[in-house]
């Protein structure tokens, strides 16, 4: 599994501006060619340029596991849905006053932790669509689990203020190894800073050498 630093649209907040699977990575239309090549080379994916809600904040509006994604019904346009479906994604539209699902839910195919800000009907729809266990609870005392945790099928990164008991619970439920770490030189909201799949992991370009070493240790253990 490869590990590298990068930017998307000149920012280090990779997961705010993209959604990545094993096959594709949805990125803003304004992505730079060198950023596009870094994603392709590190993650071995097809880069797909798109907007969500006519915005470059792809990873804020989209949330999912693998090829299944959710978006708030009034925060995505028909042509955007059509593009996602053309690239093989199954899109579930939900009605919610909160549309930043990427900030409010952290999930892989085994488990999801969701913000207490989301209504019960939204939680039921997510559970049914992904067929996974989902819990509404705070993470690190905050209602932003999607920002506090980066998780995929192979690993997770979590805000370093996590308590050992909570960390071990996440490890058990996600069924993946993890590390409590900052990225982007001390950013506690590590869920905003990384994208990856089974081929590799990209973190924001301001991630320090110490942070990179700790993340690399996690990746080495996975190997």
N, C-alpha and C. Protein backbone atom coordinates (compact mmCIF):
# COMPACT_ATOMS: atom_id res chain seq x y z
N UNK A 1 0.85 -1.19 0.00
CA UNK A 1 0.00 0.00 0.00
C UNK A 1 0.89 1.25 0.00
N UNK A 2 0.65 2.13 -0.95
CA UNK A 2 1.45 3.34 -1.08
C UNK A 2 0.96 4.43 -0.13
N UNK A 3 1.86 5.30 0.27
CA UNK A 3 1.53 6.45 1.11
C UNK A 3 2.22 7.67 0.54
N UNK A 4 1.46 8.77 0.38
CA UNK A 4 2.06 9.98 -0.16
C UNK A 4 1.25 11.19 0.28
N UNK A 5 1.82 12.37 0.07
CA UNK A 5 1.14 13.63 0.34
C UNK A 5 0.62 14.22 -0.96
N UNK A 6 -0.44 15.02 -0.85
CA UNK A 6 -0.98 15.64 -2.05
C UNK A 6 -1.87 16.82 -1.69
N UNK A 7 -2.37 17.46 -2.72
CA UNK A 7 -3.38 18.50 -2.60
C UNK A 7 -4.50 18.21 -3.59
N UNK A 8 -5.64 18.83 -3.37
CA UNK A 8 -6.71 18.87 -4.36
C UNK A 8 -7.19 20.31 -4.42
N UNK A 9 -7.13 20.90 -5.61
CA UNK A 9 -7.45 22.32 -5.78
C UNK A 9 -6.60 23.18 -4.86
N UNK A 10 -5.34 22.78 -4.72
CA UNK A 10 -4.35 23.53 -3.93
C UNK A 10 -4.64 23.54 -2.43
N UNK A 11 -5.52 22.65 -1.95
CA UNK A 11 -5.76 22.57 -0.51
C UNK A 11 -5.34 21.19 -0.02
N UNK A 12 -4.97 21.06 1.27
CA UNK A 12 -4.57 19.78 1.82
C UNK A 12 -5.74 18.96 2.36
N UNK A 13 -6.96 19.47 2.22
CA UNK A 13 -8.13 18.79 2.80
C UNK A 13 -8.75 17.86 1.76
N UNK A 14 -8.08 16.76 1.54
CA UNK A 14 -8.40 15.88 0.41
C UNK A 14 -9.80 15.31 0.48
N UNK A 15 -10.24 14.92 1.67
CA UNK A 15 -11.53 14.23 1.78
C UNK A 15 -12.71 15.19 1.77
N UNK A 16 -12.44 16.47 1.86
CA UNK A 16 -13.49 17.47 1.68
C UNK A 16 -13.81 17.63 0.20
N UNK A 17 -12.80 17.45 -0.63
CA UNK A 17 -12.94 17.72 -2.06
C UNK A 17 -13.02 16.47 -2.92
N UNK A 18 -13.20 15.28 -2.34
CA UNK A 18 -13.23 14.08 -3.18
C UNK A 18 -13.98 12.95 -2.50
N UNK A 19 -14.33 11.95 -3.30
CA UNK A 19 -14.88 10.69 -2.81
C UNK A 19 -14.20 9.57 -3.58
N UNK A 20 -13.60 8.63 -2.85
CA UNK A 20 -12.76 7.63 -3.48
C UNK A 20 -13.26 6.21 -3.23
N UNK A 21 -13.21 5.36 -4.26
CA UNK A 21 -13.51 3.94 -4.15
C UNK A 21 -12.30 3.17 -4.67
N UNK A 22 -12.47 1.87 -4.83
CA UNK A 22 -11.40 1.05 -5.39
C UNK A 22 -11.16 1.35 -6.88
N UNK A 23 -12.16 1.88 -7.55
CA UNK A 23 -12.07 2.06 -9.00
C UNK A 23 -12.00 3.51 -9.45
N UNK A 24 -12.67 4.39 -8.73
CA UNK A 24 -12.75 5.79 -9.17
C UNK A 24 -12.51 6.75 -8.02
N UNK A 25 -12.17 7.97 -8.36
CA UNK A 25 -12.11 9.05 -7.38
C UNK A 25 -12.82 10.26 -7.97
N UNK A 26 -13.90 10.68 -7.33
CA UNK A 26 -14.65 11.84 -7.77
C UNK A 26 -13.97 13.09 -7.22
N UNK A 27 -13.62 14.00 -8.09
CA UNK A 27 -12.88 15.21 -7.70
C UNK A 27 -13.51 16.44 -8.35
N UNK A 28 -13.18 17.63 -7.86
CA UNK A 28 -13.72 18.85 -8.48
C UNK A 28 -13.22 19.04 -9.91
N UNK A 29 -13.99 19.74 -10.67
CA UNK A 29 -13.64 20.01 -12.07
C UNK A 29 -12.34 20.81 -12.16
N UNK A 30 -12.07 21.63 -11.17
CA UNK A 30 -10.91 22.52 -11.21
C UNK A 30 -9.62 21.86 -10.71
N UNK A 31 -9.62 20.56 -10.50
CA UNK A 31 -8.41 19.90 -10.03
C UNK A 31 -7.25 20.13 -11.01
N UNK A 32 -6.05 20.28 -10.50
CA UNK A 32 -4.89 20.49 -11.34
C UNK A 32 -4.39 19.16 -11.93
N UNK A 33 -3.82 19.19 -13.12
CA UNK A 33 -3.33 17.96 -13.74
C UNK A 33 -2.35 17.18 -12.87
N UNK A 34 -1.45 17.87 -12.18
CA UNK A 34 -0.47 17.16 -11.33
C UNK A 34 -1.16 16.48 -10.15
N UNK A 35 -2.24 17.09 -9.65
CA UNK A 35 -3.00 16.48 -8.56
C UNK A 35 -3.73 15.24 -9.06
N UNK A 36 -4.27 15.36 -10.25
CA UNK A 36 -4.97 14.24 -10.88
C UNK A 36 -4.02 13.06 -11.07
N UNK A 37 -2.82 13.32 -11.54
CA UNK A 37 -1.84 12.25 -11.76
C UNK A 37 -1.43 11.59 -10.45
N UNK A 38 -1.31 12.38 -9.40
CA UNK A 38 -0.92 11.83 -8.09
C UNK A 38 -1.99 10.85 -7.58
N UNK A 39 -3.24 11.21 -7.74
CA UNK A 39 -4.32 10.32 -7.33
C UNK A 39 -4.31 9.04 -8.15
N UNK A 40 -4.18 9.19 -9.45
CA UNK A 40 -4.16 8.01 -10.34
C UNK A 40 -3.01 7.08 -10.01
N UNK A 41 -1.83 7.65 -9.79
CA UNK A 41 -0.64 6.83 -9.57
C UNK A 41 -0.64 6.17 -8.20
N UNK A 42 -1.11 6.89 -7.18
CA UNK A 42 -1.05 6.37 -5.82
C UNK A 42 -2.19 5.39 -5.52
N UNK A 43 -3.37 5.70 -6.01
CA UNK A 43 -4.55 4.90 -5.66
C UNK A 43 -4.99 3.97 -6.79
N UNK A 44 -4.38 4.11 -7.95
CA UNK A 44 -4.70 3.24 -9.09
C UNK A 44 -6.19 3.30 -9.42
N UNK A 45 -6.69 4.51 -9.59
CA UNK A 45 -8.11 4.73 -9.87
C UNK A 45 -8.27 5.62 -11.09
N UNK A 46 -9.48 5.61 -11.62
CA UNK A 46 -9.87 6.57 -12.64
C UNK A 46 -10.35 7.83 -11.95
N UNK A 47 -9.82 8.98 -12.34
CA UNK A 47 -10.24 10.25 -11.78
C UNK A 47 -11.42 10.78 -12.58
N UNK A 48 -12.51 11.08 -11.88
CA UNK A 48 -13.74 11.57 -12.50
C UNK A 48 -14.01 12.98 -11.99
N UNK A 49 -14.08 13.95 -12.89
CA UNK A 49 -14.30 15.34 -12.52
C UNK A 49 -15.79 15.63 -12.45
N UNK A 50 -16.22 16.21 -11.34
CA UNK A 50 -17.64 16.46 -11.15
C UNK A 50 -17.83 17.55 -10.11
N UNK A 51 -19.06 17.99 -9.98
CA UNK A 51 -19.46 18.86 -8.88
C UNK A 51 -20.63 18.19 -8.17
N UNK A 52 -20.84 18.55 -6.93
CA UNK A 52 -22.02 18.13 -6.19
C UNK A 52 -22.66 19.39 -5.63
N UNK A 53 -23.94 19.56 -5.90
CA UNK A 53 -24.64 20.78 -5.51
C UNK A 53 -23.98 22.00 -6.15
N UNK A 54 -23.45 21.79 -7.37
CA UNK A 54 -22.73 22.84 -8.10
C UNK A 54 -21.57 23.39 -7.27
N UNK A 55 -20.96 22.53 -6.48
CA UNK A 55 -19.88 22.91 -5.57
C UNK A 55 -18.72 21.94 -5.72
N UNK A 56 -17.48 22.39 -5.45
CA UNK A 56 -16.34 21.48 -5.47
C UNK A 56 -16.24 20.62 -4.22
N UNK A 57 -17.11 20.84 -3.23
CA UNK A 57 -17.01 20.13 -1.95
C UNK A 57 -17.62 18.74 -2.04
N UNK A 58 -17.06 17.93 -2.91
CA UNK A 58 -17.58 16.59 -3.21
C UNK A 58 -17.70 15.74 -1.95
N UNK A 59 -16.64 15.74 -1.14
CA UNK A 59 -16.62 14.87 0.03
C UNK A 59 -17.45 15.36 1.20
N UNK A 60 -17.90 16.59 1.14
CA UNK A 60 -18.81 17.10 2.16
C UNK A 60 -20.23 16.61 1.90
N UNK A 61 -20.62 16.62 0.62
CA UNK A 61 -22.00 16.26 0.27
C UNK A 61 -22.20 14.75 0.09
N UNK A 62 -21.14 14.02 -0.29
CA UNK A 62 -21.25 12.59 -0.50
C UNK A 62 -20.68 11.82 0.68
N UNK A 63 -21.31 10.70 0.97
CA UNK A 63 -20.80 9.80 2.00
C UNK A 63 -21.18 8.39 1.59
N UNK A 64 -20.30 7.44 1.86
CA UNK A 64 -20.65 6.08 1.48
C UNK A 64 -19.59 5.08 1.81
N UNK A 65 -19.81 3.89 1.29
CA UNK A 65 -18.86 2.79 1.42
C UNK A 65 -18.81 2.10 0.07
N UNK A 66 -17.63 2.09 -0.53
CA UNK A 66 -17.50 1.45 -1.83
C UNK A 66 -18.31 2.18 -2.88
N UNK A 67 -19.10 1.41 -3.62
CA UNK A 67 -19.85 1.98 -4.75
C UNK A 67 -21.24 2.48 -4.35
N UNK A 68 -21.55 2.49 -3.08
CA UNK A 68 -22.83 3.00 -2.61
C UNK A 68 -22.62 4.34 -1.91
N UNK A 69 -23.35 5.36 -2.32
CA UNK A 69 -23.22 6.68 -1.72
C UNK A 69 -24.58 7.28 -1.41
N UNK A 70 -24.58 8.15 -0.41
CA UNK A 70 -25.80 8.90 -0.08
C UNK A 70 -25.54 10.39 -0.30
N UNK A 71 -26.62 11.09 -0.61
CA UNK A 71 -26.58 12.54 -0.76
C UNK A 71 -27.95 13.09 -0.37
N UNK A 72 -27.97 14.31 0.12
CA UNK A 72 -29.23 14.94 0.46
C UNK A 72 -29.96 15.31 -0.83
N UNK A 73 -31.24 14.99 -0.89
CA UNK A 73 -32.02 15.09 -2.12
C UNK A 73 -31.97 16.47 -2.76
N UNK A 74 -32.00 17.51 -1.95
CA UNK A 74 -32.03 18.87 -2.48
C UNK A 74 -30.64 19.49 -2.61
N UNK A 75 -29.61 18.66 -2.44
CA UNK A 75 -28.23 19.16 -2.49
C UNK A 75 -27.42 18.47 -3.57
N UNK A 76 -28.10 17.94 -4.56
CA UNK A 76 -27.43 17.32 -5.70
C UNK A 76 -28.34 17.46 -6.91
N UNK A 77 -27.76 17.76 -8.05
CA UNK A 77 -28.54 18.03 -9.26
C UNK A 77 -28.65 16.77 -10.13
N UNK A 78 -29.72 16.68 -10.93
CA UNK A 78 -29.94 15.48 -11.75
C UNK A 78 -28.75 15.10 -12.61
N UNK A 79 -28.09 16.09 -13.23
CA UNK A 79 -26.95 15.77 -14.08
C UNK A 79 -25.77 15.23 -13.27
N UNK A 80 -25.68 15.64 -12.01
CA UNK A 80 -24.62 15.14 -11.14
C UNK A 80 -24.89 13.69 -10.74
N UNK A 81 -26.15 13.40 -10.46
CA UNK A 81 -26.54 12.01 -10.16
C UNK A 81 -26.27 11.12 -11.37
N UNK A 82 -26.64 11.61 -12.53
CA UNK A 82 -26.45 10.84 -13.76
C UNK A 82 -24.97 10.51 -13.98
N UNK A 83 -24.09 11.46 -13.71
CA UNK A 83 -22.66 11.22 -13.88
C UNK A 83 -22.16 10.17 -12.90
N UNK A 84 -22.59 10.28 -11.65
CA UNK A 84 -22.16 9.29 -10.65
C UNK A 84 -22.63 7.88 -11.02
N UNK A 85 -23.87 7.79 -11.44
CA UNK A 85 -24.41 6.47 -11.81
C UNK A 85 -23.72 5.92 -13.06
N UNK A 86 -23.38 6.79 -13.98
CA UNK A 86 -22.66 6.37 -15.18
C UNK A 86 -21.32 5.75 -14.82
N UNK A 87 -20.71 6.23 -13.73
CA UNK A 87 -19.41 5.71 -13.28
C UNK A 87 -19.55 4.51 -12.35
N UNK A 88 -20.77 4.00 -12.21
CA UNK A 88 -20.98 2.76 -11.45
C UNK A 88 -21.38 2.91 -10.01
N UNK A 89 -21.64 4.14 -9.56
CA UNK A 89 -22.06 4.35 -8.19
C UNK A 89 -23.58 4.21 -8.06
N UNK A 90 -24.00 3.63 -6.96
CA UNK A 90 -25.42 3.55 -6.63
C UNK A 90 -25.72 4.68 -5.65
N UNK A 91 -26.63 5.58 -6.04
CA UNK A 91 -26.87 6.80 -5.28
C UNK A 91 -28.22 6.71 -4.58
N UNK A 92 -28.20 6.93 -3.27
CA UNK A 92 -29.42 6.98 -2.47
C UNK A 92 -29.65 8.42 -2.04
N UNK A 93 -30.81 8.97 -2.37
CA UNK A 93 -31.14 10.34 -2.00
C UNK A 93 -31.96 10.36 -0.73
N UNK A 94 -31.53 11.16 0.23
CA UNK A 94 -32.20 11.26 1.51
C UNK A 94 -32.67 12.69 1.73
N UNK A 95 -33.75 12.83 2.46
CA UNK A 95 -34.26 14.15 2.80
C UNK A 95 -33.82 14.47 4.23
N UNK A 96 -33.09 15.56 4.38
CA UNK A 96 -32.58 15.92 5.69
C UNK A 96 -32.30 17.42 5.73
N UNK A 97 -32.45 18.02 6.89
CA UNK A 97 -32.09 19.42 7.05
C UNK A 97 -30.57 19.59 7.04
N UNK A 98 -29.87 18.52 7.33
CA UNK A 98 -28.41 18.54 7.31
C UNK A 98 -27.94 17.85 6.03
N UNK A 99 -27.18 18.55 5.20
CA UNK A 99 -26.78 17.98 3.92
C UNK A 99 -25.30 17.58 3.87
N UNK A 100 -24.54 17.88 4.92
CA UNK A 100 -23.10 17.59 4.92
C UNK A 100 -22.85 16.18 5.47
N UNK A 101 -23.35 15.18 4.75
CA UNK A 101 -23.23 13.81 5.24
C UNK A 101 -21.78 13.38 5.41
N UNK A 102 -20.89 13.93 4.59
CA UNK A 102 -19.49 13.56 4.71
C UNK A 102 -18.89 13.96 6.04
N UNK A 103 -19.41 15.03 6.65
CA UNK A 103 -18.95 15.47 7.96
C UNK A 103 -19.66 14.76 9.10
N UNK A 104 -20.84 14.24 8.82
CA UNK A 104 -21.72 13.75 9.88
C UNK A 104 -21.73 12.24 10.01
N UNK A 105 -21.14 11.51 9.06
CA UNK A 105 -21.14 10.05 9.10
C UNK A 105 -19.75 9.54 8.73
N UNK A 106 -19.25 8.58 9.51
CA UNK A 106 -18.03 7.85 9.16
C UNK A 106 -18.39 6.39 9.01
N UNK A 107 -18.03 5.78 7.87
CA UNK A 107 -18.47 4.41 7.65
C UNK A 107 -17.53 3.64 6.75
N UNK A 108 -17.55 2.32 6.93
CA UNK A 108 -17.07 1.40 5.91
C UNK A 108 -18.16 0.34 5.74
N UNK A 109 -17.86 -0.77 5.13
CA UNK A 109 -18.91 -1.74 4.84
C UNK A 109 -19.32 -2.54 6.08
N UNK A 110 -18.65 -2.33 7.19
CA UNK A 110 -18.94 -3.08 8.41
C UNK A 110 -19.74 -2.30 9.45
N UNK A 111 -19.55 -0.99 9.46
CA UNK A 111 -20.10 -0.21 10.58
C UNK A 111 -20.14 1.26 10.21
N UNK A 112 -21.11 1.98 10.79
CA UNK A 112 -21.19 3.43 10.61
C UNK A 112 -21.46 4.09 11.93
N UNK A 113 -20.79 5.20 12.16
CA UNK A 113 -21.07 6.05 13.30
C UNK A 113 -21.60 7.37 12.76
N UNK A 114 -22.77 7.77 13.25
CA UNK A 114 -23.47 8.93 12.70
C UNK A 114 -23.71 9.98 13.76
N UNK A 115 -23.77 11.20 13.32
CA UNK A 115 -24.02 12.32 14.22
C UNK A 115 -25.41 12.24 14.83
N UNK A 116 -25.51 12.71 16.05
CA UNK A 116 -26.81 12.80 16.70
C UNK A 116 -27.67 13.92 16.12
N UNK A 117 -27.10 14.70 15.23
CA UNK A 117 -27.85 15.78 14.57
C UNK A 117 -28.79 15.24 13.50
N UNK A 118 -28.54 14.01 13.04
CA UNK A 118 -29.36 13.44 11.98
C UNK A 118 -30.64 12.84 12.53
N UNK A 119 -31.76 13.01 11.83
CA UNK A 119 -33.04 12.46 12.31
C UNK A 119 -33.10 10.94 12.20
N UNK A 120 -33.99 10.36 12.94
CA UNK A 120 -34.12 8.90 13.01
C UNK A 120 -34.43 8.29 11.64
N UNK A 121 -35.27 8.95 10.84
CA UNK A 121 -35.62 8.42 9.53
C UNK A 121 -34.41 8.35 8.62
N UNK A 122 -33.52 9.33 8.72
CA UNK A 122 -32.29 9.32 7.92
C UNK A 122 -31.41 8.15 8.33
N UNK A 123 -31.31 7.91 9.62
CA UNK A 123 -30.50 6.79 10.12
C UNK A 123 -31.07 5.46 9.63
N UNK A 124 -32.38 5.31 9.66
CA UNK A 124 -33.01 4.08 9.18
C UNK A 124 -32.72 3.86 7.69
N UNK A 125 -32.78 4.93 6.92
CA UNK A 125 -32.52 4.82 5.48
C UNK A 125 -31.07 4.42 5.22
N UNK A 126 -30.13 4.99 5.96
CA UNK A 126 -28.72 4.64 5.80
C UNK A 126 -28.50 3.17 6.15
N UNK A 127 -29.07 2.74 7.25
CA UNK A 127 -28.93 1.35 7.69
C UNK A 127 -29.46 0.39 6.63
N UNK A 128 -30.62 0.70 6.06
CA UNK A 128 -31.24 -0.16 5.06
C UNK A 128 -30.44 -0.19 3.77
N UNK A 129 -29.96 0.96 3.33
CA UNK A 129 -29.25 1.06 2.06
C UNK A 129 -27.91 0.33 2.09
N UNK A 130 -27.19 0.47 3.19
CA UNK A 130 -25.87 -0.14 3.28
C UNK A 130 -25.89 -1.51 3.97
N UNK A 131 -27.01 -1.83 4.60
CA UNK A 131 -27.15 -3.10 5.32
C UNK A 131 -26.01 -3.28 6.33
N UNK A 132 -25.82 -2.26 7.15
CA UNK A 132 -24.78 -2.31 8.18
C UNK A 132 -25.34 -1.81 9.51
N UNK A 133 -24.62 -2.12 10.56
CA UNK A 133 -24.96 -1.57 11.87
C UNK A 133 -24.55 -0.11 11.90
N UNK A 134 -25.44 0.74 12.39
CA UNK A 134 -25.15 2.17 12.49
C UNK A 134 -25.56 2.65 13.87
N UNK A 135 -24.71 3.47 14.46
CA UNK A 135 -24.98 4.02 15.77
C UNK A 135 -24.88 5.54 15.72
N UNK A 136 -25.79 6.18 16.42
CA UNK A 136 -25.71 7.62 16.59
C UNK A 136 -25.03 7.91 17.92
N UNK A 137 -23.85 8.46 17.84
CA UNK A 137 -23.09 8.76 19.04
C UNK A 137 -22.03 9.80 18.73
N UNK A 138 -21.60 10.48 19.75
CA UNK A 138 -20.52 11.43 19.57
C UNK A 138 -19.19 10.70 19.40
N UNK A 139 -18.27 11.36 18.77
CA UNK A 139 -16.90 10.87 18.65
C UNK A 139 -15.99 11.96 19.19
N UNK A 140 -15.20 11.64 20.15
CA UNK A 140 -14.32 12.60 20.81
C UNK A 140 -15.16 13.73 21.41
N UNK A 141 -16.39 13.42 21.82
CA UNK A 141 -17.26 14.43 22.41
C UNK A 141 -17.85 15.40 21.41
N UNK A 142 -17.74 15.08 20.11
CA UNK A 142 -18.25 15.97 19.07
C UNK A 142 -19.28 15.25 18.21
N UNK A 143 -20.16 16.03 17.58
CA UNK A 143 -21.18 15.47 16.69
C UNK A 143 -20.73 15.52 15.23
N UNK A 144 -19.43 15.34 14.99
CA UNK A 144 -18.88 15.37 13.63
C UNK A 144 -18.00 14.14 13.39
N UNK A 145 -18.58 12.95 13.44
CA UNK A 145 -17.76 11.75 13.26
C UNK A 145 -17.08 11.67 11.91
N UNK A 146 -17.73 12.19 10.86
CA UNK A 146 -17.12 12.14 9.55
C UNK A 146 -15.88 13.00 9.43
N UNK A 147 -15.81 14.06 10.23
CA UNK A 147 -14.62 14.92 10.25
C UNK A 147 -13.57 14.41 11.22
N UNK A 148 -14.01 13.69 12.24
CA UNK A 148 -13.10 13.20 13.27
C UNK A 148 -12.44 11.88 12.92
N UNK A 149 -13.01 11.16 11.95
CA UNK A 149 -12.51 9.83 11.58
C UNK A 149 -12.37 9.74 10.06
N UNK A 150 -11.24 9.25 9.60
CA UNK A 150 -11.14 8.78 8.22
C UNK A 150 -11.13 7.26 8.27
N UNK A 151 -12.00 6.62 7.52
CA UNK A 151 -12.05 5.16 7.54
C UNK A 151 -12.34 4.61 6.15
N UNK A 152 -11.68 3.52 5.80
CA UNK A 152 -12.06 2.73 4.63
C UNK A 152 -12.08 1.26 5.03
N UNK A 153 -12.02 0.37 4.08
CA UNK A 153 -12.14 -1.06 4.40
C UNK A 153 -10.89 -1.60 5.09
N UNK A 154 -9.79 -0.88 5.04
CA UNK A 154 -8.50 -1.43 5.43
C UNK A 154 -7.88 -0.78 6.65
N UNK A 155 -8.31 0.45 6.98
CA UNK A 155 -7.69 1.17 8.09
C UNK A 155 -8.56 2.36 8.48
N UNK A 156 -8.24 2.92 9.64
CA UNK A 156 -8.88 4.18 10.01
C UNK A 156 -7.88 5.07 10.75
N UNK A 157 -8.08 6.36 10.59
CA UNK A 157 -7.36 7.40 11.32
C UNK A 157 -8.39 8.14 12.16
N UNK A 158 -8.04 8.47 13.39
CA UNK A 158 -9.02 9.12 14.27
C UNK A 158 -8.35 10.23 15.06
N UNK A 159 -9.12 11.24 15.37
CA UNK A 159 -8.70 12.35 16.22
C UNK A 159 -7.92 11.82 17.43
N UNK A 160 -6.73 12.33 17.69
CA UNK A 160 -5.89 11.78 18.75
C UNK A 160 -6.42 11.98 20.16
N UNK A 161 -7.47 12.77 20.31
CA UNK A 161 -8.08 12.95 21.63
C UNK A 161 -8.99 11.79 22.01
N UNK A 162 -9.09 10.81 21.15
CA UNK A 162 -9.94 9.66 21.40
C UNK A 162 -9.46 8.92 22.65
N UNK A 163 -10.41 8.46 23.46
CA UNK A 163 -10.08 7.66 24.64
C UNK A 163 -9.74 6.24 24.21
N UNK A 164 -8.84 5.55 24.93
CA UNK A 164 -8.47 4.18 24.55
C UNK A 164 -9.67 3.25 24.40
N UNK A 165 -10.63 3.37 25.28
CA UNK A 165 -11.81 2.50 25.20
C UNK A 165 -12.59 2.76 23.91
N UNK A 166 -12.73 4.03 23.55
CA UNK A 166 -13.45 4.38 22.32
C UNK A 166 -12.66 3.92 21.09
N UNK A 167 -11.34 4.09 21.14
CA UNK A 167 -10.50 3.64 20.02
C UNK A 167 -10.66 2.15 19.80
N UNK A 168 -10.60 1.37 20.86
CA UNK A 168 -10.72 -0.09 20.74
C UNK A 168 -12.10 -0.49 20.24
N UNK A 169 -13.12 0.29 20.62
CA UNK A 169 -14.47 0.00 20.13
C UNK A 169 -14.57 0.25 18.63
N UNK A 170 -14.00 1.35 18.17
CA UNK A 170 -14.00 1.64 16.73
C UNK A 170 -13.25 0.56 15.95
N UNK A 171 -12.13 0.14 16.48
CA UNK A 171 -11.33 -0.91 15.84
C UNK A 171 -12.14 -2.20 15.71
N UNK A 172 -12.87 -2.53 16.75
CA UNK A 172 -13.71 -3.73 16.74
C UNK A 172 -14.84 -3.61 15.73
N UNK A 173 -15.50 -2.45 15.70
CA UNK A 173 -16.68 -2.29 14.86
C UNK A 173 -16.32 -2.10 13.39
N UNK A 174 -15.30 -1.32 13.10
CA UNK A 174 -14.88 -1.14 11.71
C UNK A 174 -14.17 -2.39 11.16
N UNK A 175 -13.72 -3.25 12.08
CA UNK A 175 -12.97 -4.46 11.70
C UNK A 175 -11.74 -4.11 10.88
N UNK A 176 -11.04 -3.09 11.37
CA UNK A 176 -9.84 -2.60 10.68
C UNK A 176 -8.89 -2.01 11.71
N UNK A 177 -7.59 -2.08 11.45
CA UNK A 177 -6.63 -1.43 12.34
C UNK A 177 -6.68 0.08 12.17
N UNK A 178 -6.25 0.79 13.19
CA UNK A 178 -6.28 2.24 13.11
C UNK A 178 -5.18 2.89 13.92
N UNK A 179 -5.12 4.20 13.85
CA UNK A 179 -4.16 4.97 14.63
C UNK A 179 -4.80 6.29 15.01
N UNK A 180 -4.56 6.72 16.25
CA UNK A 180 -5.01 8.03 16.71
C UNK A 180 -3.93 9.03 16.33
N UNK A 181 -4.26 9.96 15.45
CA UNK A 181 -3.23 10.78 14.81
C UNK A 181 -3.82 12.08 14.30
N UNK A 182 -3.00 13.09 14.20
CA UNK A 182 -3.37 14.29 13.44
C UNK A 182 -2.79 14.17 12.04
N UNK A 183 -3.21 15.04 11.17
CA UNK A 183 -2.60 15.17 9.84
C UNK A 183 -2.54 16.66 9.52
N UNK A 184 -1.93 16.98 8.39
CA UNK A 184 -1.81 18.39 8.00
C UNK A 184 -1.26 19.26 9.13
N UNK A 185 -0.19 18.75 9.73
CA UNK A 185 0.56 19.48 10.77
C UNK A 185 -0.33 19.88 11.94
N UNK A 186 -0.99 18.88 12.52
CA UNK A 186 -1.72 19.10 13.75
C UNK A 186 -3.22 19.24 13.63
N UNK A 187 -3.78 18.99 12.46
CA UNK A 187 -5.23 19.08 12.30
C UNK A 187 -5.90 17.91 13.01
N UNK A 188 -6.74 18.23 13.99
CA UNK A 188 -7.43 17.19 14.75
C UNK A 188 -8.53 16.53 13.92
N UNK A 189 -9.07 17.25 12.94
CA UNK A 189 -10.16 16.71 12.13
C UNK A 189 -9.58 15.91 10.96
N UNK A 190 -8.97 14.81 11.33
CA UNK A 190 -8.22 13.99 10.38
C UNK A 190 -9.12 13.39 9.30
N UNK A 191 -10.42 13.31 9.57
CA UNK A 191 -11.35 12.80 8.56
C UNK A 191 -11.40 13.66 7.31
N UNK A 192 -10.98 14.90 7.43
CA UNK A 192 -10.98 15.82 6.28
C UNK A 192 -9.72 15.71 5.44
N UNK A 193 -8.71 14.99 5.95
CA UNK A 193 -7.36 15.14 5.42
C UNK A 193 -6.85 13.99 4.56
N UNK A 194 -7.60 12.91 4.43
CA UNK A 194 -7.06 11.71 3.78
C UNK A 194 -8.09 11.08 2.83
N UNK A 195 -7.57 10.42 1.80
CA UNK A 195 -8.38 9.57 0.93
C UNK A 195 -7.56 8.32 0.62
N UNK A 196 -8.24 7.21 0.33
CA UNK A 196 -7.48 6.01 0.03
C UNK A 196 -8.35 4.84 -0.33
N UNK A 197 -7.68 3.72 -0.58
CA UNK A 197 -8.32 2.44 -0.88
C UNK A 197 -7.29 1.34 -0.60
N UNK A 198 -7.48 0.17 -1.18
CA UNK A 198 -6.56 -0.93 -0.90
C UNK A 198 -5.19 -0.72 -1.53
N UNK A 199 -5.11 0.21 -2.49
CA UNK A 199 -3.86 0.46 -3.19
C UNK A 199 -2.96 1.48 -2.49
N UNK A 200 -3.57 2.40 -1.77
CA UNK A 200 -2.75 3.43 -1.16
C UNK A 200 -3.55 4.41 -0.33
N UNK A 201 -2.83 5.35 0.26
CA UNK A 201 -3.42 6.39 1.09
C UNK A 201 -2.73 7.70 0.76
N UNK A 202 -3.54 8.72 0.52
CA UNK A 202 -3.03 10.07 0.32
C UNK A 202 -3.47 10.94 1.49
N UNK A 203 -2.54 11.74 2.00
CA UNK A 203 -2.85 12.69 3.05
C UNK A 203 -2.47 14.09 2.57
N UNK A 204 -2.97 15.09 3.27
CA UNK A 204 -2.71 16.47 2.86
C UNK A 204 -1.23 16.80 2.84
N UNK A 205 -0.86 17.70 1.94
CA UNK A 205 0.56 17.95 1.70
C UNK A 205 1.26 18.63 2.87
N UNK A 206 0.51 19.20 3.83
CA UNK A 206 1.15 19.81 5.00
C UNK A 206 1.34 18.82 6.14
N UNK A 207 1.01 17.56 5.92
CA UNK A 207 1.23 16.53 6.94
C UNK A 207 2.73 16.44 7.25
N UNK A 208 3.06 16.47 8.53
CA UNK A 208 4.46 16.50 8.95
C UNK A 208 5.13 15.14 8.79
N UNK A 209 6.45 15.13 8.87
CA UNK A 209 7.19 13.88 8.79
C UNK A 209 6.84 12.95 9.95
N UNK A 210 6.65 13.52 11.13
CA UNK A 210 6.28 12.69 12.29
C UNK A 210 4.92 12.05 12.07
N UNK A 211 3.96 12.83 11.57
CA UNK A 211 2.63 12.27 11.28
C UNK A 211 2.72 11.20 10.20
N UNK A 212 3.52 11.45 9.18
CA UNK A 212 3.69 10.48 8.10
C UNK A 212 4.28 9.17 8.62
N UNK A 213 5.24 9.27 9.52
CA UNK A 213 5.88 8.07 10.07
C UNK A 213 4.87 7.22 10.84
N UNK A 214 4.02 7.86 11.63
CA UNK A 214 3.02 7.12 12.40
C UNK A 214 1.99 6.45 11.48
N UNK A 215 1.60 7.16 10.44
CA UNK A 215 0.65 6.57 9.49
C UNK A 215 1.31 5.44 8.71
N UNK A 216 2.56 5.63 8.34
CA UNK A 216 3.29 4.59 7.62
C UNK A 216 3.44 3.34 8.47
N UNK A 217 3.64 3.50 9.77
CA UNK A 217 3.72 2.35 10.67
C UNK A 217 2.43 1.54 10.63
N UNK A 218 1.30 2.23 10.55
CA UNK A 218 0.01 1.55 10.45
C UNK A 218 -0.08 0.76 9.15
N UNK A 219 0.33 1.38 8.07
CA UNK A 219 0.28 0.73 6.76
C UNK A 219 1.21 -0.48 6.70
N UNK A 220 2.38 -0.36 7.29
CA UNK A 220 3.34 -1.48 7.33
C UNK A 220 2.72 -2.67 8.08
N UNK A 221 2.01 -2.37 9.18
CA UNK A 221 1.36 -3.43 9.95
C UNK A 221 0.29 -4.14 9.13
N UNK A 222 -0.40 -3.37 8.27
CA UNK A 222 -1.45 -3.96 7.43
C UNK A 222 -0.83 -4.94 6.44
N UNK A 223 0.32 -4.61 5.90
CA UNK A 223 1.01 -5.49 4.96
C UNK A 223 1.31 -6.84 5.63
